[in-house]
C-alpha atoms as a PDB file:
ATOM      1  CA  UNK A   1       0.000   0.000   0.000  1.00  0.00           C
ATOM      2  CA  UNK A   2       1.048   3.607  -0.496  1.00  0.00           C
ATOM      3  CA  UNK A   3       2.395   5.654   2.404  1.00  0.00           C
ATOM      4  CA  UNK A   4      -0.566   8.043   2.197  1.00  0.00           C
ATOM      5  CA  UNK A   5      -2.963   5.120   2.682  1.00  0.00           C
ATOM      6  CA  UNK A   6      -1.086   3.972   5.785  1.00  0.00           C
ATOM      7  CA  UNK A   7      -1.192   7.524   7.162  1.00  0.00           C
ATOM      8  CA  UNK A   8      -4.962   7.702   6.748  1.00  0.00           C
ATOM      9  CA  UNK A   9      -5.425   4.209   8.178  1.00  0.00           C
ATOM     10  CA  UNK A  10      -3.791   5.210  11.471  1.00  0.00           C
ATOM     11  CA  UNK A  11      -5.525   8.571  11.730  1.00  0.00           C
ATOM     12  CA  UNK A  12      -8.954   7.083  11.008  1.00  0.00           C
ATOM     13  CA  UNK A  13      -8.475   4.090  13.316  1.00  0.00           C
ATOM     14  CA  UNK A  14      -7.695   6.459  16.195  1.00  0.00           C
ATOM     15  CA  UNK A  15     -11.262   7.771  15.978  1.00  0.00           C
ATOM     16  CA  UNK A  16     -12.450   4.433  17.376  1.00  0.00           C
ATOM     17  CA  UNK A  17     -10.552   5.143  20.606  1.00  0.00           C
ATOM     18  CA  UNK A  18     -12.910   6.503  23.331  1.00  0.00           C
ATOM     19  CA  UNK A  19     -12.004  10.064  24.247  1.00  0.00           C
ATOM     20  CA  UNK A  20      -9.351  10.364  21.554  1.00  0.00           C
ATOM     21  CA  UNK A  21      -7.587  13.696  21.253  1.00  0.00           C
ATOM     22  CA  UNK A  22      -5.038  15.190  18.874  1.00  0.00           C
ATOM     23  CA  UNK A  23      -2.115  13.517  20.667  1.00  0.00           C
ATOM     24  CA  UNK A  24      -3.733  10.085  20.454  1.00  0.00           C
ATOM     25  CA  UNK A  25      -4.502  10.578  16.763  1.00  0.00           C
ATOM     26  CA  UNK A  26      -0.951  11.719  16.029  1.00  0.00           C
ATOM     27  CA  UNK A  27       0.641   8.808  17.891  1.00  0.00           C
ATOM     28  CA  UNK A  28      -1.709   6.311  16.218  1.00  0.00           C
ATOM     29  CA  UNK A  29      -0.688   7.705  12.830  1.00  0.00           C
ATOM     30  CA  UNK A  30       2.972   7.330  13.759  1.00  0.00           C
ATOM     31  CA  UNK A  31       2.277   3.701  14.695  1.00  0.00           C
ATOM     32  CA  UNK A  32       0.656   3.132  11.297  1.00  0.00           C
ATOM     33  CA  UNK A  33       3.648   4.648   9.496  1.00  0.00           C
ATOM     34  CA  UNK A  34       6.378   3.125  11.686  1.00  0.00           C
ATOM     35  CA  UNK A  35       6.797  -0.183   9.781  1.00  0.00           C
ATOM     36  CA  UNK A  36       7.980   1.690   6.695  1.00  0.00           C
ATOM     37  CA  UNK A  37      10.981   3.067   8.566  1.00  0.00           C
ATOM     38  CA  UNK A  38      12.756  -0.026   7.281  1.00  0.00           C
ATOM     39  CA  UNK A  39      12.516   1.574   3.850  1.00  0.00           C
ATOM     40  CA  UNK A  40      14.706   4.548   4.838  1.00  0.00           C
ATOM     41  CA  UNK A  41      17.910   2.751   3.665  1.00  0.00           C
ATOM     42  CA  UNK A  42      16.758   3.513   0.114  1.00  0.00           C
ATOM     43  CA  UNK A  43      18.242   6.979   0.660  1.00  0.00           C
ATOM     44  CA  UNK A  44      21.693   5.474   1.161  1.00  0.00           C
ATOM     45  CA  UNK A  45      21.166   3.247  -1.880  1.00  0.00           C
ATOM     46  CA  UNK A  46      20.510   6.333  -4.025  1.00  0.00           C
ATOM     47  CA  UNK A  47      23.670   8.004  -2.744  1.00  0.00           C
ATOM     48  CA  UNK A  48      25.727   4.834  -3.132  1.00  0.00           C
ATOM     49  CA  UNK A  49      24.478   4.196  -6.674  1.00  0.00           C
ATOM     50  CA  UNK A  50      25.312   7.780  -7.644  1.00  0.00           C
ATOM     51  CA  UNK A  51      28.850   7.610  -6.242  1.00  0.00           C
ATOM     52  CA  UNK A  52      29.667   4.037  -7.213  1.00  0.00           C
ATOM     53  CA  UNK A  53      27.754   3.070 -10.374  1.00  0.00           C
ATOM     54  CA  UNK A  54      27.484  -0.602 -11.126  1.00  0.00           C
ATOM     55  CA  UNK A  55      26.689  -1.720  -7.579  1.00  0.00           C
ATOM     56  CA  UNK A  56      23.661  -3.882  -6.823  1.00  0.00           C
ATOM     57  CA  UNK A  57      20.671  -1.597  -7.375  1.00  0.00           C
ATOM     58  CA  UNK A  58      18.771  -0.707  -4.164  1.00  0.00           C
ATOM     59  CA  UNK A  59      20.708  -3.358  -2.231  1.00  0.00           C
ATOM     60  CA  UNK A  60      19.896  -2.264   1.343  1.00  0.00           C
ATOM     61  CA  UNK A  61      16.304  -1.326   0.533  1.00  0.00           C
ATOM     62  CA  UNK A  62      15.693  -4.761  -0.973  1.00  0.00           C
ATOM     63  CA  UNK A  63      17.429  -6.447   1.942  1.00  0.00           C
ATOM     64  CA  UNK A  64      15.708  -4.589   4.793  1.00  0.00           C
ATOM     65  CA  UNK A  65      12.333  -3.317   3.542  1.00  0.00           C
ATOM     66  CA  UNK A  66       9.390  -5.469   4.703  1.00  0.00           C
ATOM     67  CA  UNK A  67      11.798  -7.166   7.121  1.00  0.00           C
ATOM     68  CA  UNK A  68      12.996  -5.105  10.092  1.00  0.00           C
ATOM     69  CA  UNK A  69       9.921  -2.929  10.476  1.00  0.00           C
ATOM     70  CA  UNK A  70       7.201  -5.271   9.238  1.00  0.00           C
ATOM     71  CA  UNK A  71       7.573  -7.696  12.119  1.00  0.00           C
ATOM     72  CA  UNK A  72       5.001  -8.785  14.679  1.00  0.00           C
ATOM     73  CA  UNK A  73       7.891  -9.111  17.145  1.00  0.00           C
ATOM     74  CA  UNK A  74       8.730  -5.423  16.769  1.00  0.00           C
ATOM     75  CA  UNK A  75       5.055  -4.313  16.915  1.00  0.00           C
ATOM     76  CA  UNK A  76       4.597  -4.427  20.736  1.00  0.00           C
ATOM     77  CA  UNK A  77       7.939  -2.657  21.230  1.00  0.00           C
ATOM     78  CA  UNK A  78       6.861   0.258  19.026  1.00  0.00           C
ATOM     79  CA  UNK A  79       3.442   0.322  20.722  1.00  0.00           C
ATOM     80  CA  UNK A  80       5.076   0.442  24.157  1.00  0.00           C
ATOM     81  CA  UNK A  81       7.346   3.333  23.142  1.00  0.00           C
ATOM     82  CA  UNK A  82       4.390   5.346  21.854  1.00  0.00           C
ATOM     83  CA  UNK A  83       2.374   4.532  24.988  1.00  0.00           C
ATOM     84  CA  UNK A  84       5.151   6.158  27.035  1.00  0.00           C
ATOM     85  CA  UNK A  85       4.214   9.471  25.390  1.00  0.00           C
ATOM     86  CA  UNK A  86       0.499   9.019  26.124  1.00  0.00           C
ATOM     87  CA  UNK A  87      -0.762  10.820  29.241  1.00  0.00           C
ATOM     88  CA  UNK A  88      -3.476   9.400  31.483  1.00  0.00           C
ATOM     89  CA  UNK A  89      -4.133   6.558  33.877  1.00  0.00           C
ATOM     90  CA  UNK A  90      -3.420   2.878  33.471  1.00  0.00           C
ATOM     91  CA  UNK A  91      -6.737   2.166  31.739  1.00  0.00           C
ATOM     92  CA  UNK A  92      -6.273   4.920  29.152  1.00  0.00           C
ATOM     93  CA  UNK A  93      -2.648   4.001  28.516  1.00  0.00           C
ATOM     94  CA  UNK A  94      -3.564   0.330  28.205  1.00  0.00           C
ATOM     95  CA  UNK A  95      -6.199   1.188  25.625  1.00  0.00           C
ATOM     96  CA  UNK A  96      -3.726   3.406  23.799  1.00  0.00           C
ATOM     97  CA  UNK A  97      -1.217   0.526  23.696  1.00  0.00           C
ATOM     98  CA  UNK A  98      -3.838  -1.694  22.076  1.00  0.00           C
ATOM     99  CA  UNK A  99      -4.670   1.080  19.588  1.00  0.00           C
ATOM    100  CA  UNK A 100      -1.031   1.595  18.560  1.00  0.00           C
ATOM    101  CA  UNK A 101      -0.505  -2.149  18.268  1.00  0.00           C
ATOM    102  CA  UNK A 102      -3.603  -2.422  16.062  1.00  0.00           C
ATOM    103  CA  UNK A 103      -2.426   0.424  13.800  1.00  0.00           C
ATOM    104  CA  UNK A 104       1.016  -1.156  13.411  1.00  0.00           C
ATOM    105  CA  UNK A 105      -0.482  -4.562  12.583  1.00  0.00           C
ATOM    106  CA  UNK A 106      -3.004  -2.948  10.227  1.00  0.00           C
ATOM    107  CA  UNK A 107      -0.080  -1.607   8.198  1.00  0.00           C
ATOM    108  CA  UNK A 108       1.307  -5.128   7.899  1.00  0.00           C
ATOM    109  CA  UNK A 109      -2.090  -6.518   6.952  1.00  0.00           C
ATOM    110  CA  UNK A 110      -2.569  -3.917   4.227  1.00  0.00           C
ATOM    111  CA  UNK A 111       0.889  -4.689   2.841  1.00  0.00           C
ATOM    112  CA  UNK A 112       0.161  -8.405   2.772  1.00  0.00           C
ATOM    113  CA  UNK A 113      -2.622  -7.777   0.258  1.00  0.00           C
ATOM    114  CA  UNK A 114      -1.493  -4.511  -1.346  1.00  0.00           C
ATOM    115  CA  UNK A 115       1.927  -5.619  -2.521  1.00  0.00           C
ATOM    116  CA  UNK A 116       3.640  -8.727  -3.849  1.00  0.00           C
ATOM    117  CA  UNK A 117       6.845  -8.262  -1.819  1.00  0.00           C
ATOM    118  CA  UNK A 118       7.549 -10.905   0.827  1.00  0.00           C
ATOM    119  CA  UNK A 119       7.280  -9.922   4.499  1.00  0.00           C
ATOM    120  CA  UNK A 120       9.303 -11.517   7.291  1.00  0.00           C
ATOM    121  CA  UNK A 121       6.582 -11.424   9.943  1.00  0.00           C
ATOM    122  CA  UNK A 122       8.653 -12.860  12.788  1.00  0.00           C
ATOM    123  CA  UNK A 123      12.022 -11.187  12.266  1.00  0.00           C
ATOM    124  CA  UNK A 124      14.473 -11.496  14.047  1.00  0.00           C
ATOM    125  CA  UNK A 125      13.216 -14.808  15.460  1.00  0.00           C
ATOM    126  CA  UNK A 126      12.631 -16.222  11.993  1.00  0.00           C
ATOM    127  CA  UNK A 127      13.446 -15.034   8.482  1.00  0.00           C
ATOM    128  CA  UNK A 128      10.675 -17.120   6.914  1.00  0.00           C
ATOM    129  CA  UNK A 129       8.942 -14.970   4.253  1.00  0.00           C
ATOM    130  CA  UNK A 130       5.177 -14.543   4.206  1.00  0.00           C
ATOM    131  CA  UNK A 131       2.913 -13.289   1.432  1.00  0.00           C
ATOM    132  CA  UNK A 132      -0.811 -12.851   1.125  1.00  0.00           C
ATOM    133  CA  UNK A 133      -2.861 -15.500  -0.707  1.00  0.00           C
ATOM    134  CA  UNK A 134      -2.295 -15.379  -4.457  1.00  0.00           C
ATOM    135  CA  UNK A 135      -6.017 -14.777  -5.091  1.00  0.00           C
ATOM    136  CA  UNK A 136      -6.041 -11.770  -2.762  1.00  0.00           C
ATOM    137  CA  UNK A 137      -2.925  -9.720  -3.384  1.00  0.00           C
ATOM    138  CA  UNK A 138      -1.891  -7.333  -6.101  1.00  0.00           C
ATOM    139  CA  UNK A 139       0.844  -4.997  -7.311  1.00  0.00           C
ATOM    140  CA  UNK A 140       1.214  -1.686  -5.488  1.00  0.00           C
ATOM    141  CA  UNK A 141       0.036   0.294  -8.541  1.00  0.00           C
ATOM    142  CA  UNK A 142      -3.135  -1.792  -8.848  1.00  0.00           C
ATOM    143  CA  UNK A 143      -6.437   0.101  -8.956  1.00  0.00           C
ATOM    144  CA  UNK A 144      -7.525  -1.576  -5.706  1.00  0.00           C
ATOM    145  CA  UNK A 145      -4.815   0.300  -3.783  1.00  0.00           C
ATOM    146  CA  UNK A 146      -6.002   3.596  -5.230  1.00  0.00           C
ATOM    147  CA  UNK A 147      -9.615   2.691  -4.454  1.00  0.00           C
ATOM    148  CA  UNK A 148      -8.650   1.963  -0.838  1.00  0.00           C
ATOM    149  CA  UNK A 149      -6.955   5.352  -0.545  1.00  0.00           C
ATOM    150  CA  UNK A 150      -9.878   7.269  -2.045  1.00  0.00           C
ATOM    151  CA  UNK A 151     -12.341   5.445   0.222  1.00  0.00           C
ATOM    152  CA  UNK A 152     -10.293   6.433   3.277  1.00  0.00           C
ATOM    153  CA  UNK A 153      -9.938   9.983   1.956  1.00  0.00           C
ATOM    154  CA  UNK A 154     -13.709  10.148   1.624  1.00  0.00           C
ATOM    155  CA  UNK A 155     -14.180   9.186   5.273  1.00  0.00           C
ATOM    156  CA  UNK A 156     -11.515  11.709   6.301  1.00  0.00           C
ATOM    157  CA  UNK A 157     -13.325  14.427   4.321  1.00  0.00           C
ATOM    158  CA  UNK A 158     -16.577  13.606   6.131  1.00  0.00           C
ATOM    159  CA  UNK A 159     -14.795  13.938   9.475  1.00  0.00           C
ATOM    160  CA  UNK A 160     -13.226  17.211   8.327  1.00  0.00           C
ATOM    161  CA  UNK A 161     -16.562  18.762   7.402  1.00  0.00           C
ATOM    162  CA  UNK A 162     -18.455  17.403  10.398  1.00  0.00           C
ATOM    163  CA  UNK A 163     -15.899  17.578  13.216  1.00  0.00           C
ATOM    164  CA  UNK A 164     -13.485  20.262  11.980  1.00  0.00           C
ATOM    165  CA  UNK A 165     -10.323  18.195  11.866  1.00  0.00           C
ATOM    166  CA  UNK A 166      -8.227  16.502   9.219  1.00  0.00           C
ATOM    167  CA  UNK A 167      -4.849  14.751   8.972  1.00  0.00           C
ATOM    168  CA  UNK A 168      -3.385  18.250   8.537  1.00  0.00           C
ATOM    169  CA  UNK A 169      -3.566  18.479  12.334  1.00  0.00           C
ATOM    170  CA  UNK A 170      -0.551  16.173  12.389  1.00  0.00           C
ATOM    171  CA  UNK A 171       1.441  19.185  11.191  1.00  0.00           C
ATOM    172  CA  UNK A 172      -0.458  22.027  12.860  1.00  0.00           C
ATOM    173  CA  UNK A 173      -3.761  22.039  14.669  1.00  0.00           C
ATOM    174  CA  UNK A 174      -4.075  25.795  14.141  1.00  0.00           C
ATOM    175  CA  UNK A 175      -3.631  25.547  10.361  1.00  0.00           C
ATOM    176  CA  UNK A 176      -6.091  22.651  10.258  1.00  0.00           C
ATOM    177  CA  UNK A 177      -8.674  24.698  12.156  1.00  0.00           C
ATOM    178  CA  UNK A 178      -8.159  27.679   9.882  1.00  0.00           C
ATOM    179  CA  UNK A 179      -8.553  25.524   6.757  1.00  0.00           C
ATOM    180  CA  UNK A 180     -11.878  24.228   8.062  1.00  0.00           C
ATOM    181  CA  UNK A 181     -13.049  27.783   8.768  1.00  0.00           C
ATOM    182  CA  UNK A 182     -12.119  28.894   5.239  1.00  0.00           C
ATOM    183  CA  UNK A 183     -13.692  25.888   3.496  1.00  0.00           C
ATOM    184  CA  UNK A 184     -16.925  26.041   5.467  1.00  0.00           C
ATOM    185  CA  UNK A 185     -16.915  29.835   5.062  1.00  0.00           C
ATOM    186  CA  UNK A 186     -17.617  29.278   1.375  1.00  0.00           C
ATOM    187  CA  UNK A 187     -20.965  27.726   2.273  1.00  0.00           C
ATOM    188  CA  UNK A 188     -23.851  30.197   1.862  1.00  0.00           C
ATOM    189  CA  UNK A 189     -24.937  31.582   5.216  1.00  0.00           C
ATOM    190  CA  UNK A 190     -21.586  31.181   6.946  1.00  0.00           C
ATOM    191  CA  UNK A 191     -21.040  34.902   7.449  1.00  0.00           C
ATOM    192  CA  UNK A 192     -19.321  37.145   9.928  1.00  0.00           C
ATOM    193  CA  UNK A 193     -21.290  37.111  13.176  1.00  0.00           C
ATOM    194  CA  UNK A 194     -20.766  40.794  13.904  1.00  0.00           C
ATOM    195  CA  UNK A 195     -24.070  42.671  13.883  1.00  0.00           C
ATOM    196  CA  UNK A 196     -24.999  43.937  10.437  1.00  0.00           C
ATOM    197  CA  UNK A 197     -21.981  42.458   8.636  1.00  0.00           C
ATOM    198  CA  UNK A 198     -22.676  40.673   5.358  1.00  0.00           C
ATOM    199  CA  UNK A 199     -19.130  39.534   4.657  1.00  0.00           C
ATOM    200  CA  UNK A 200     -18.150  35.883   4.733  1.00  0.00           C
ATOM    201  CA  UNK A 201     -16.564  34.716   7.975  1.00  0.00           C
ATOM    202  CA  UNK A 202     -13.179  33.272   7.040  1.00  0.00           C
ATOM    203  CA  UNK A 203     -11.742  33.584  10.566  1.00  0.00           C
ATOM    204  CA  UNK A 204     -12.745  32.327  13.986  1.00  0.00           C
ATOM    205  CA  UNK A 205     -12.324  34.082  17.293  1.00  0.00           C
ATOM    206  CA  UNK A 206      -9.823  32.275  19.509  1.00  0.00           C
ATOM    207  CA  UNK A 207     -11.955  33.116  22.526  1.00  0.00           C
ATOM    208  CA  UNK A 208     -15.594  32.406  21.667  1.00  0.00           C
ATOM    209  CA  UNK A 209     -15.246  30.586  18.310  1.00  0.00           C
ATOM    210  CA  UNK A 210     -17.490  33.157  16.579  1.00  0.00           C
ATOM    211  CA  UNK A 211     -16.975  33.626  12.849  1.00  0.00           C
ATOM    212  CA  UNK A 212     -15.572  36.981  11.825  1.00  0.00           C
ATOM    213  CA  UNK A 213     -14.345  38.761   8.734  1.00  0.00           C
ATOM    214  CA  UNK A 214     -11.061  40.578   8.324  1.00  0.00           C
ATOM    215  CA  UNK A 215     -12.495  43.927   9.386  1.00  0.00           C
ATOM    216  CA  UNK A 216     -14.277  43.027  12.619  1.00  0.00           C
ATOM    217  CA  UNK A 217     -12.042  42.262  15.545  1.00  0.00           C
ATOM    218  CA  UNK A 218      -8.299  41.890  15.832  1.00  0.00           C
ATOM    219  CA  UNK A 219      -6.574  39.341  13.597  1.00  0.00           C
ATOM    220  CA  UNK A 220      -3.475  37.528  14.829  1.00  0.00           C
ATOM    221  CA  UNK A 221      -1.941  34.968  12.509  1.00  0.00           C
ATOM    222  CA  UNK A 222      -4.660  32.512  11.496  1.00  0.00           C
ATOM    223  CA  UNK A 223      -7.062  33.560  14.242  1.00  0.00           C
ATOM    224  CA  UNK A 224      -7.678  36.533  16.465  1.00  0.00           C
ATOM    225  CA  UNK A 225     -10.378  38.053  18.659  1.00  0.00           C
ATOM    226  CA  UNK A 226     -13.841  39.190  17.650  1.00  0.00           C
ATOM    227  CA  UNK A 227     -15.157  42.624  18.543  1.00  0.00           C
ATOM    228  CA  UNK A 228     -17.078  41.295  21.540  1.00  0.00           C
ATOM    229  CA  UNK A 229     -14.026  39.582  23.043  1.00  0.00           C
ATOM    230  CA  UNK A 230     -11.867  42.646  22.376  1.00  0.00           C
ATOM    231  CA  UNK A 231     -14.355  44.883  24.212  1.00  0.00           C
ATOM    232  CA  UNK A 232     -14.636  42.410  27.090  1.00  0.00           C
ATOM    233  CA  UNK A 233     -10.846  42.292  27.412  1.00  0.00           C
ATOM    234  CA  UNK A 234     -10.654  46.098  27.361  1.00  0.00           C
ATOM    235  CA  UNK A 235     -13.354  46.314  30.016  1.00  0.00           C
ATOM    236  CA  UNK A 236     -11.500  43.880  32.244  1.00  0.00           C
ATOM    237  CA  UNK A 237      -8.319  45.902  31.794  1.00  0.00           C
ATOM    238  CA  UNK A 238     -10.081  49.143  32.692  1.00  0.00           C
ATOM    239  CA  UNK A 239     -11.696  47.554  35.759  1.00  0.00           C
ATOM    240  CA  UNK A 240      -8.345  46.186  36.869  1.00  0.00           C
END
């Protein structure tokens, strides 16, 4: 499967975790991407092939990819490391461990059907290669892999429109929130909430979440404060 599909698989799976927050979703996505760290040696292969032409093409990538990282032995270790960065009590951390383990194993499962490359599931205990059943696996560029990605992207879009978050939050929650405000601001009726203003509300107040345009309130970066919050802050300052 493609890396983008694995990213979405982790982010979407995290939504099944009760009380999930941005940290949980980010760590679950990392767990879903972690197996492909064994593909990083391809960078050295590119450098090596450029400096010493004639060597075995993509030697280390071929030797290590779908081996070191795609192992059920490594899965609980990665899940435990990510659980260390998860705040909360024992019950929440235990659930998070199960979530990260599931996301890691989901990556392996998707690769068993979405590629024809062998996977050493029990490395380093065993180097026996495993592959999905011949009737249910295909090349990475097969249309089924693209269909899987677009199906996941469709679910992610639904979450974005309904719950104001997308995988962009993995980079910046503030940018993700602003993108949602801009996109939904294009919908008729989503206007600035200042009295008498007919402009579209492409910003949200950091204090009360009210929509506002660029002329009502104080803008700061991708957010700001609406006129009501500005006046309330000024009143508190004067009273103090």
